[in-house]
PDB file of all heavy atoms in Angstrom:
ATOM      1  N   ILE A   1      25.641  16.923  14.669  1.00  0.00           N
ATOM      2  CA  ILE A   1      26.540  16.524  15.752  1.00  0.00           C
ATOM      3  C   ILE A   1      25.811  16.544  17.087  1.00  0.00           C
ATOM      4  O   ILE A   1      25.938  15.617  17.903  1.00  0.00           O
ATOM      5  CB  ILE A   1      27.772  17.456  15.790  1.00  0.00           C
ATOM      6  CG1 ILE A   1      28.656  17.209  14.556  1.00  0.00           C
ATOM      7  CG2 ILE A   1      28.584  17.233  17.063  1.00  0.00           C
ATOM      8  CD1 ILE A   1      29.794  18.210  14.420  1.00  0.00           C
ATOM      9  N   GLU A   2      25.022  17.602  17.317  1.00  0.00           N
ATOM     10  CA  GLU A   2      24.259  17.693  18.564  1.00  0.00           C
ATOM     11  C   GLU A   2      23.249  16.557  18.667  1.00  0.00           C
ATOM     12  O   GLU A   2      23.071  15.955  19.736  1.00  0.00           O
ATOM     13  CB  GLU A   2      23.541  19.044  18.637  1.00  0.00           C
ATOM     14  CG  GLU A   2      24.455  20.235  18.862  1.00  0.00           C
ATOM     15  CD  GLU A   2      25.199  20.133  20.188  1.00  0.00           C
ATOM     16  OE1 GLU A   2      24.585  19.680  21.180  1.00  0.00           O
ATOM     17  OE2 GLU A   2      26.388  20.494  20.233  1.00  0.00           O
ATOM     18  N   LYS A   3      22.586  16.270  17.537  1.00  0.00           N
ATOM     19  CA  LYS A   3      21.625  15.170  17.529  1.00  0.00           C
ATOM     20  C   LYS A   3      22.325  13.851  17.794  1.00  0.00           C
ATOM     21  O   LYS A   3      21.822  12.986  18.532  1.00  0.00           O
ATOM     22  CB  LYS A   3      20.900  15.128  16.184  1.00  0.00           C
ATOM     23  CG  LYS A   3      19.840  14.037  16.097  1.00  0.00           C
ATOM     24  CD  LYS A   3      19.165  14.037  14.735  1.00  0.00           C
ATOM     25  CE  LYS A   3      18.135  12.909  14.643  1.00  0.00           C
ATOM     26  NZ  LYS A   3      17.499  12.860  13.299  1.00  0.00           N
ATOM     27  N   SER A   4      23.505  13.683  17.200  1.00  0.00           N
ATOM     28  CA  SER A   4      24.275  12.456  17.391  1.00  0.00           C
ATOM     29  C   SER A   4      24.685  12.293  18.850  1.00  0.00           C
ATOM     30  O   SER A   4      24.652  11.196  19.401  1.00  0.00           O
ATOM     31  CB  SER A   4      25.512  12.473  16.488  1.00  0.00           C
ATOM     32  OG  SER A   4      26.269  11.292  16.647  1.00  0.00           O
ATOM     33  N   LYS A   5      25.072  13.407  19.486  1.00  0.00           N
ATOM     34  CA  LYS A   5      25.447  13.346  20.902  1.00  0.00           C
ATOM     35  C   LYS A   5      24.253  12.941  21.760  1.00  0.00           C
ATOM     36  O   LYS A   5      24.379  12.122  22.679  1.00  0.00           O
ATOM     37  CB  LYS A   5      25.984  14.707  21.353  1.00  0.00           C
ATOM     38  CG  LYS A   5      27.355  15.056  20.802  1.00  0.00           C
ATOM     39  CD  LYS A   5      27.795  16.440  21.291  1.00  0.00           C
ATOM     40  CE  LYS A   5      29.172  16.802  20.737  1.00  0.00           C
ATOM     41  NZ  LYS A   5      29.589  18.162  21.162  1.00  0.00           N
ATOM     42  N   ASP A   6      23.101  13.541  21.447  1.00  0.00           N
ATOM     43  CA  ASP A   6      21.896  13.198  22.207  1.00  0.00           C
ATOM     44  C   ASP A   6      21.541  11.723  22.037  1.00  0.00           C
ATOM     45  O   ASP A   6      21.175  11.040  23.003  1.00  0.00           O
ATOM     46  CB  ASP A   6      20.719  14.066  21.750  1.00  0.00           C
ATOM     47  CG  ASP A   6      20.906  15.534  22.117  1.00  0.00           C
ATOM     48  OD1 ASP A   6      21.720  15.820  23.016  1.00  0.00           O
ATOM     49  OD2 ASP A   6      20.258  16.394  21.483  1.00  0.00           O
ATOM     50  N   GLU A   7      21.645  11.241  20.792  1.00  0.00           N
ATOM     51  CA  GLU A   7      21.349   9.829  20.536  1.00  0.00           C
ATOM     52  C   GLU A   7      22.359   8.926  21.245  1.00  0.00           C
ATOM     53  O   GLU A   7      22.001   7.858  21.753  1.00  0.00           O
ATOM     54  CB  GLU A   7      21.367   9.553  19.036  1.00  0.00           C
ATOM     55  CG  GLU A   7      20.192  10.177  18.283  1.00  0.00           C
ATOM     56  CD  GLU A   7      20.283   9.950  16.794  1.00  0.00           C
ATOM     57  OE1 GLU A   7      21.365   9.488  16.331  1.00  0.00           O
ATOM     58  OE2 GLU A   7      19.298  10.231  16.083  1.00  0.00           O
ATOM     59  N   LEU A   8      23.628   9.365  21.266  1.00  0.00           N
ATOM     60  CA  LEU A   8      24.654   8.584  21.952  1.00  0.00           C
ATOM     61  C   LEU A   8      24.314   8.424  23.427  1.00  0.00           C
ATOM     62  O   LEU A   8      24.354   7.317  23.980  1.00  0.00           O
ATOM     63  CB  LEU A   8      26.010   9.266  21.800  1.00  0.00           C
ATOM     64  CG  LEU A   8      27.179   8.664  22.596  1.00  0.00           C
ATOM     65  CD1 LEU A   8      27.446   7.246  22.145  1.00  0.00           C
ATOM     66  CD2 LEU A   8      28.427   9.522  22.454  1.00  0.00           C
ATOM     67  N   ILE A   9      23.954   9.540  24.079  1.00  0.00           N
ATOM     68  CA  ILE A   9      23.604   9.485  25.497  1.00  0.00           C
ATOM     69  C   ILE A   9      22.374   8.607  25.717  1.00  0.00           C
ATOM     70  O   ILE A   9      22.331   7.769  26.633  1.00  0.00           O
ATOM     71  CB  ILE A   9      23.352  10.911  26.034  1.00  0.00           C
ATOM     72  CG1 ILE A   9      24.648  11.734  25.981  1.00  0.00           C
ATOM     73  CG2 ILE A   9      22.812  10.865  27.459  1.00  0.00           C
ATOM     74  CD1 ILE A   9      24.447  13.198  26.308  1.00  0.00           C
ATOM     75  N   THR A  10      21.365   8.775  24.853  1.00  0.00           N
ATOM     76  CA  THR A  10      20.133   7.993  24.984  1.00  0.00           C
ATOM     77  C   THR A  10      20.399   6.504  24.814  1.00  0.00           C
ATOM     78  O   THR A  10      19.934   5.678  25.614  1.00  0.00           O
ATOM     79  CB  THR A  10      19.098   8.457  23.948  1.00  0.00           C
ATOM     80  OG1 THR A  10      18.822   9.840  24.145  1.00  0.00           O
ATOM     81  CG2 THR A  10      17.803   7.665  24.074  1.00  0.00           C
ATOM     82  N   ASN A  11      21.159   6.161  23.770  1.00  0.00           N
ATOM     83  CA  ASN A  11      21.409   4.748  23.482  1.00  0.00           C
ATOM     84  C   ASN A  11      22.271   4.083  24.549  1.00  0.00           C
ATOM     85  O   ASN A  11      22.007   2.958  24.968  1.00  0.00           O
ATOM     86  CB  ASN A  11      22.070   4.607  22.111  1.00  0.00           C
ATOM     87  CG  ASN A  11      21.138   4.973  20.976  1.00  0.00           C
ATOM     88  OD1 ASN A  11      19.933   4.785  21.071  1.00  0.00           O
ATOM     89  ND2 ASN A  11      21.688   5.523  19.896  1.00  0.00           N
ATOM     90  N   VAL A  12      23.327   4.798  24.976  1.00  0.00           N
ATOM     91  CA  VAL A  12      24.184   4.235  26.016  1.00  0.00           C
ATOM     92  C   VAL A  12      23.400   4.056  27.310  1.00  0.00           C
ATOM     93  O   VAL A  12      23.516   3.024  27.985  1.00  0.00           O
ATOM     94  CB  VAL A  12      25.419   5.138  26.246  1.00  0.00           C
ATOM     95  CG1 VAL A  12      26.186   4.682  27.474  1.00  0.00           C
ATOM     96  CG2 VAL A  12      26.331   5.105  25.032  1.00  0.00           C
ATOM     97  N   SER A  13      22.576   5.061  27.649  1.00  0.00           N
ATOM     98  CA  SER A  13      21.771   4.964  28.868  1.00  0.00           C
ATOM     99  C   SER A  13      20.830   3.767  28.804  1.00  0.00           C
ATOM    100  O   SER A  13      20.685   3.020  29.776  1.00  0.00           O
ATOM    101  CB  SER A  13      20.955   6.255  29.062  1.00  0.00           C
ATOM    102  OG  SER A  13      21.813   7.363  29.195  1.00  0.00           O
ATOM    103  N   HIS A  14      20.212   3.571  27.642  1.00  0.00           N
ATOM    104  CA  HIS A  14      19.281   2.455  27.482  1.00  0.00           C
ATOM    105  C   HIS A  14      20.007   1.123  27.568  1.00  0.00           C
ATOM    106  O   HIS A  14      19.568   0.201  28.283  1.00  0.00           O
ATOM    107  CB  HIS A  14      18.565   2.572  26.129  1.00  0.00           C
ATOM    108  CG  HIS A  14      17.569   1.479  25.877  1.00  0.00           C
ATOM    109  ND1 HIS A  14      17.934   0.217  25.468  1.00  0.00           N
ATOM    110  CD2 HIS A  14      16.213   1.467  25.985  1.00  0.00           C
ATOM    111  CE1 HIS A  14      16.861  -0.536  25.316  1.00  0.00           C
ATOM    112  NE2 HIS A  14      15.799   0.197  25.631  1.00  0.00           N
ATOM    113  N   ASP A  15      21.128   1.016  26.853  1.00  0.00           N
ATOM    114  CA  ASP A  15      21.825  -0.265  26.810  1.00  0.00           C
ATOM    115  C   ASP A  15      22.496  -0.613  28.138  1.00  0.00           C
ATOM    116  O   ASP A  15      22.789  -1.779  28.393  1.00  0.00           O
ATOM    117  CB  ASP A  15      22.873  -0.237  25.686  1.00  0.00           C
ATOM    118  CG  ASP A  15      22.228  -0.327  24.316  1.00  0.00           C
ATOM    119  OD1 ASP A  15      21.025  -0.623  24.253  1.00  0.00           O
ATOM    120  OD2 ASP A  15      22.927  -0.088  23.312  1.00  0.00           O
ATOM    121  N   ILE A  16      22.781   0.388  28.950  1.00  0.00           N
ATOM    122  CA  ILE A  16      23.337   0.116  30.278  1.00  0.00           C
ATOM    123  C   ILE A  16      22.209  -0.160  31.285  1.00  0.00           C
ATOM    124  O   ILE A  16      22.310  -1.062  32.120  1.00  0.00           O
ATOM    125  CB  ILE A  16      24.207   1.293  30.757  1.00  0.00           C
ATOM    126  CG1 ILE A  16      25.508   1.352  29.944  1.00  0.00           C
ATOM    127  CG2 ILE A  16      24.529   1.171  32.240  1.00  0.00           C
ATOM    128  CD1 ILE A  16      26.421   2.505  30.316  1.00  0.00           C
ATOM    129  N   ARG A  17      21.146   0.613  31.170  1.00  0.00           N
ATOM    130  CA  ARG A  17      20.060   0.503  32.148  1.00  0.00           C
ATOM    131  C   ARG A  17      19.363  -0.855  32.079  1.00  0.00           C
ATOM    132  O   ARG A  17      19.012  -1.436  33.123  1.00  0.00           O
ATOM    133  CB  ARG A  17      19.049   1.615  31.901  1.00  0.00           C
ATOM    134  CG  ARG A  17      17.900   1.634  32.909  1.00  0.00           C
ATOM    135  CD  ARG A  17      16.934   2.749  32.571  1.00  0.00           C
ATOM    136  NE  ARG A  17      16.394   2.562  31.219  1.00  0.00           N
ATOM    137  CZ  ARG A  17      15.749   3.521  30.563  1.00  0.00           C
ATOM    138  NH1 ARG A  17      15.607   4.725  31.106  1.00  0.00           N
ATOM    139  NH2 ARG A  17      15.280   3.282  29.357  1.00  0.00           N
ATOM    140  N   THR A  18      19.178  -1.389  30.853  1.00  0.00           N
ATOM    141  CA  THR A  18      18.436  -2.640  30.703  1.00  0.00           C
ATOM    142  C   THR A  18      19.106  -3.802  31.444  1.00  0.00           C
ATOM    143  O   THR A  18      18.470  -4.453  32.283  1.00  0.00           O
ATOM    144  CB  THR A  18      18.253  -2.972  29.209  1.00  0.00           C
ATOM    145  OG1 THR A  18      17.560  -1.899  28.579  1.00  0.00           O
ATOM    146  CG2 THR A  18      17.462  -4.255  29.028  1.00  0.00           C
ATOM    147  N   PRO A  19      20.387  -4.102  31.167  1.00  0.00           N
ATOM    148  CA  PRO A  19      21.012  -5.196  31.945  1.00  0.00           C
ATOM    149  C   PRO A  19      21.211  -4.836  33.413  1.00  0.00           C
ATOM    150  O   PRO A  19      21.139  -5.715  34.280  1.00  0.00           O
ATOM    151  CB  PRO A  19      22.353  -5.405  31.233  1.00  0.00           C
ATOM    152  CG  PRO A  19      22.632  -4.129  30.536  1.00  0.00           C
ATOM    153  CD  PRO A  19      21.299  -3.566  30.163  1.00  0.00           C
ATOM    154  N   LEU A  20      21.455  -3.548  33.682  1.00  0.00           N
ATOM    155  CA  LEU A  20      21.663  -3.142  35.067  1.00  0.00           C
ATOM    156  C   LEU A  20      20.401  -3.365  35.897  1.00  0.00           C
ATOM    157  O   LEU A  20      20.467  -3.780  37.066  1.00  0.00           O
ATOM    158  CB  LEU A  20      22.084  -1.678  35.127  1.00  0.00           C
ATOM    159  CG  LEU A  20      22.516  -1.145  36.501  1.00  0.00           C
ATOM    160  CD1 LEU A  20      23.689  -1.942  37.023  1.00  0.00           C
ATOM    161  CD2 LEU A  20      22.881   0.331  36.405  1.00  0.00           C
ATOM    162  N   THR A  21      19.245  -3.105  35.308  1.00  0.00           N
ATOM    163  CA  THR A  21      17.977  -3.341  36.009  1.00  0.00           C
ATOM    164  C   THR A  21      17.819  -4.822  36.356  1.00  0.00           C
ATOM    165  O   THR A  21      17.389  -5.173  37.466  1.00  0.00           O
ATOM    166  CB  THR A  21      16.803  -2.879  35.128  1.00  0.00           C
ATOM    167  OG1 THR A  21      16.953  -1.489  34.840  1.00  0.00           O
ATOM    168  CG2 THR A  21      15.475  -3.112  35.821  1.00  0.00           C
ATOM    169  N   SER A  22      18.187  -5.681  35.397  1.00  0.00           N
ATOM    170  CA  SER A  22      18.110  -7.126  35.654  1.00  0.00           C
ATOM    171  C   SER A  22      19.076  -7.543  36.760  1.00  0.00           C
ATOM    172  O   SER A  22      18.729  -8.337  37.645  1.00  0.00           O
ATOM    173  CB  SER A  22      18.406  -7.903  34.369  1.00  0.00           C
ATOM    174  OG  SER A  22      17.449  -7.618  33.381  1.00  0.00           O
ATOM    175  N   ILE A  23      20.289  -7.020  36.702  1.00  0.00           N
ATOM    176  CA  ILE A  23      21.292  -7.363  37.715  1.00  0.00           C
ATOM    177  C   ILE A  23      20.815  -6.966  39.111  1.00  0.00           C
ATOM    178  O   ILE A  23      20.871  -7.752  40.064  1.00  0.00           O
ATOM    179  CB  ILE A  23      22.636  -6.677  37.394  1.00  0.00           C
ATOM    180  CG1 ILE A  23      23.234  -7.263  36.117  1.00  0.00           C
ATOM    181  CG2 ILE A  23      23.614  -6.827  38.554  1.00  0.00           C
ATOM    182  CD1 ILE A  23      24.456  -6.521  35.613  1.00  0.00           C
ATOM    183  N   ILE A  24      20.329  -5.720  39.224  1.00  0.00           N
ATOM    184  CA  ILE A  24      19.851  -5.238  40.523  1.00  0.00           C
ATOM    185  C   ILE A  24      18.665  -6.072  41.003  1.00  0.00           C
ATOM    186  O   ILE A  24      18.561  -6.409  42.194  1.00  0.00           O
ATOM    187  CB  ILE A  24      19.464  -3.747  40.428  1.00  0.00           C
ATOM    188  CG1 ILE A  24      20.707  -2.892  40.173  1.00  0.00           C
ATOM    189  CG2 ILE A  24      18.755  -3.283  41.695  1.00  0.00           C
ATOM    190  CD1 ILE A  24      20.411  -1.432  39.893  1.00  0.00           C
ATOM    191  N   GLY A  25      17.766  -6.417  40.072  1.00  0.00           N
ATOM    192  CA  GLY A  25      16.592  -7.211  40.447  1.00  0.00           C
ATOM    193  C   GLY A  25      16.963  -8.580  40.986  1.00  0.00           C
ATOM    194  O   GLY A  25      16.483  -8.995  42.058  1.00  0.00           O
ATOM    195  N   TYR A  26      17.816  -9.295  40.255  1.00  0.00           N
ATOM    196  CA  TYR A  26      18.182 -10.650  40.697  1.00  0.00           C
ATOM    197  C   TYR A  26      19.060 -10.617  41.948  1.00  0.00           C
ATOM    198  O   TYR A  26      18.908 -11.458  42.843  1.00  0.00           O
ATOM    199  CB  TYR A  26      18.889 -11.393  39.565  1.00  0.00           C
ATOM    200  CG  TYR A  26      17.949 -11.798  38.459  1.00  0.00           C
ATOM    201  CD1 TYR A  26      18.046 -11.253  37.185  1.00  0.00           C
ATOM    202  CD2 TYR A  26      16.930 -12.728  38.696  1.00  0.00           C
ATOM    203  CE1 TYR A  26      17.170 -11.623  36.171  1.00  0.00           C
ATOM    204  CE2 TYR A  26      16.057 -13.100  37.685  1.00  0.00           C
ATOM    205  CZ  TYR A  26      16.177 -12.541  36.430  1.00  0.00           C
ATOM    206  OH  TYR A  26      15.301 -12.917  35.444  1.00  0.00           O
ATOM    207  N   LEU A  27      19.980  -9.668  42.026  1.00  0.00           N
ATOM    208  CA  LEU A  27      20.793  -9.553  43.236  1.00  0.00           C
ATOM    209  C   LEU A  27      19.927  -9.170  44.433  1.00  0.00           C
ATOM    210  O   LEU A  27      20.202  -9.589  45.574  1.00  0.00           O
ATOM    211  CB  LEU A  27      21.909  -8.519  43.034  1.00  0.00           C
ATOM    212  CG  LEU A  27      23.021  -8.907  42.051  1.00  0.00           C
ATOM    213  CD1 LEU A  27      24.059  -7.791  41.950  1.00  0.00           C
ATOM    214  CD2 LEU A  27      23.697 -10.209  42.490  1.00  0.00           C
ATOM    215  N   GLY A  28      18.885  -8.365  44.177  1.00  0.00           N
ATOM    216  CA  GLY A  28      17.959  -8.012  45.255  1.00  0.00           C
ATOM    217  C   GLY A  28      17.239  -9.233  45.794  1.00  0.00           C
ATOM    218  O   GLY A  28      17.040  -9.375  47.011  1.00  0.00           O
ATOM    219  N   LEU A  29      16.826 -10.125  44.886  1.00  0.00           N
ATOM    220  CA  LEU A  29      16.177 -11.363  45.326  1.00  0.00           C
ATOM    221  C   LEU A  29      17.111 -12.212  46.167  1.00  0.00           C
ATOM    222  O   LEU A  29      16.717 -12.770  47.210  1.00  0.00           O
ATOM    223  CB  LEU A  29      15.701 -12.153  44.103  1.00  0.00           C
ATOM    224  CG  LEU A  29      14.509 -11.582  43.321  1.00  0.00           C
ATOM    225  CD1 LEU A  29      14.263 -12.396  42.059  1.00  0.00           C
ATOM    226  CD2 LEU A  29      13.251 -11.573  44.198  1.00  0.00           C
ATOM    227  N   LEU A  30      18.370 -12.306  45.716  1.00  0.00           N
ATOM    228  CA  LEU A  30      19.344 -13.104  46.462  1.00  0.00           C
ATOM    229  C   LEU A  30      19.639 -12.480  47.825  1.00  0.00           C
ATOM    230  O   LEU A  30      19.779 -13.178  48.843  1.00  0.00           O
ATOM    231  CB  LEU A  30      20.630 -13.235  45.645  1.00  0.00           C
ATOM    232  CG  LEU A  30      20.522 -14.027  44.336  1.00  0.00           C
ATOM    233  CD1 LEU A  30      21.815 -13.928  43.540  1.00  0.00           C
ATOM    234  CD2 LEU A  30      20.194 -15.489  44.615  1.00  0.00           C
ATOM    235  N   LYS A  31      19.765 -11.136  47.849  1.00  0.00           N
ATOM    236  CA  LYS A  31      20.086 -10.451  49.099  1.00  0.00           C
ATOM    237  C   LYS A  31      18.958 -10.567  50.117  1.00  0.00           C
ATOM    238  O   LYS A  31      19.205 -10.744  51.324  1.00  0.00           O
ATOM    239  CB  LYS A  31      20.371  -8.975  48.801  1.00  0.00           C
ATOM    240  CG  LYS A  31      20.751  -8.169  50.040  1.00  0.00           C
ATOM    241  CD  LYS A  31      21.012  -6.723  49.678  1.00  0.00           C
ATOM    242  CE  LYS A  31      21.372  -5.922  50.932  1.00  0.00           C
ATOM    243  NZ  LYS A  31      21.609  -4.490  50.597  1.00  0.00           N
ATOM    244  N   SER A  32      17.735 -10.495  49.640  1.00  0.00           N
ATOM    245  CA  SER A  32      16.588 -10.542  50.556  1.00  0.00           C
ATOM    246  C   SER A  32      16.264 -11.953  51.011  1.00  0.00           C
ATOM    247  O   SER A  32      15.472 -12.142  51.934  1.00  0.00           O
ATOM    248  CB  SER A  32      15.362  -9.926  49.883  1.00  0.00           C
ATOM    249  OG  SER A  32      14.960 -10.703  48.761  1.00  0.00           O
ATOM    250  N   GLY A  33      16.840 -12.934  50.343  1.00  0.00           N
ATOM    251  CA  GLY A  33      16.560 -14.323  50.706  1.00  0.00           C
ATOM    252  C   GLY A  33      15.261 -14.823  50.144  1.00  0.00           C
ATOM    253  O   GLY A  33      14.798 -15.917  50.512  1.00  0.00           O
ATOM    254  N   ALA A  34      14.633 -14.059  49.245  1.00  0.00           N
ATOM    255  CA  ALA A  34      13.347 -14.466  48.677  1.00  0.00           C
ATOM    256  C   ALA A  34      13.500 -15.538  47.609  1.00  0.00           C
ATOM    257  O   ALA A  34      12.531 -16.207  47.260  1.00  0.00           O
ATOM    258  CB  ALA A  34      12.626 -13.250  48.097  1.00  0.00           C
ATOM    259  N   ALA A  35      14.728 -15.680  47.083  1.00  0.00           N
ATOM    260  CA  ALA A  35      14.948 -16.665  46.016  1.00  0.00           C
ATOM    261  C   ALA A  35      14.999 -18.065  46.592  1.00  0.00           C
ATOM    262  O   ALA A  35      15.584 -18.310  47.667  1.00  0.00           O
ATOM    263  CB  ALA A  35      16.234 -16.344  45.287  1.00  0.00           C
ATOM    264  N   LEU A  36      14.405 -18.990  45.890  1.00  0.00           N
ATOM    265  CA  LEU A  36      14.461 -20.383  46.286  1.00  0.00           C
ATOM    266  C   LEU A  36      15.872 -20.926  46.069  1.00  0.00           C
ATOM    267  O   LEU A  36      16.575 -20.496  45.152  1.00  0.00           O
ATOM    268  CB  LEU A  36      13.453 -21.208  45.481  1.00  0.00           C
ATOM    269  CG  LEU A  36      11.967 -20.815  45.661  1.00  0.00           C
ATOM    270  CD1 LEU A  36      11.093 -21.613  44.705  1.00  0.00           C
ATOM    271  CD2 LEU A  36      11.526 -21.034  47.112  1.00  0.00           C
TER     272      LEU A  36
END
């Protein structure tokens, strides 16, 4: 159960962080005006 909880936190963190990183990156480009 403890291992499952740790895996749950790890997997959720990974699956949220990956798209979130992309969102922040592209929104950052738009906000800074660097995007064509």
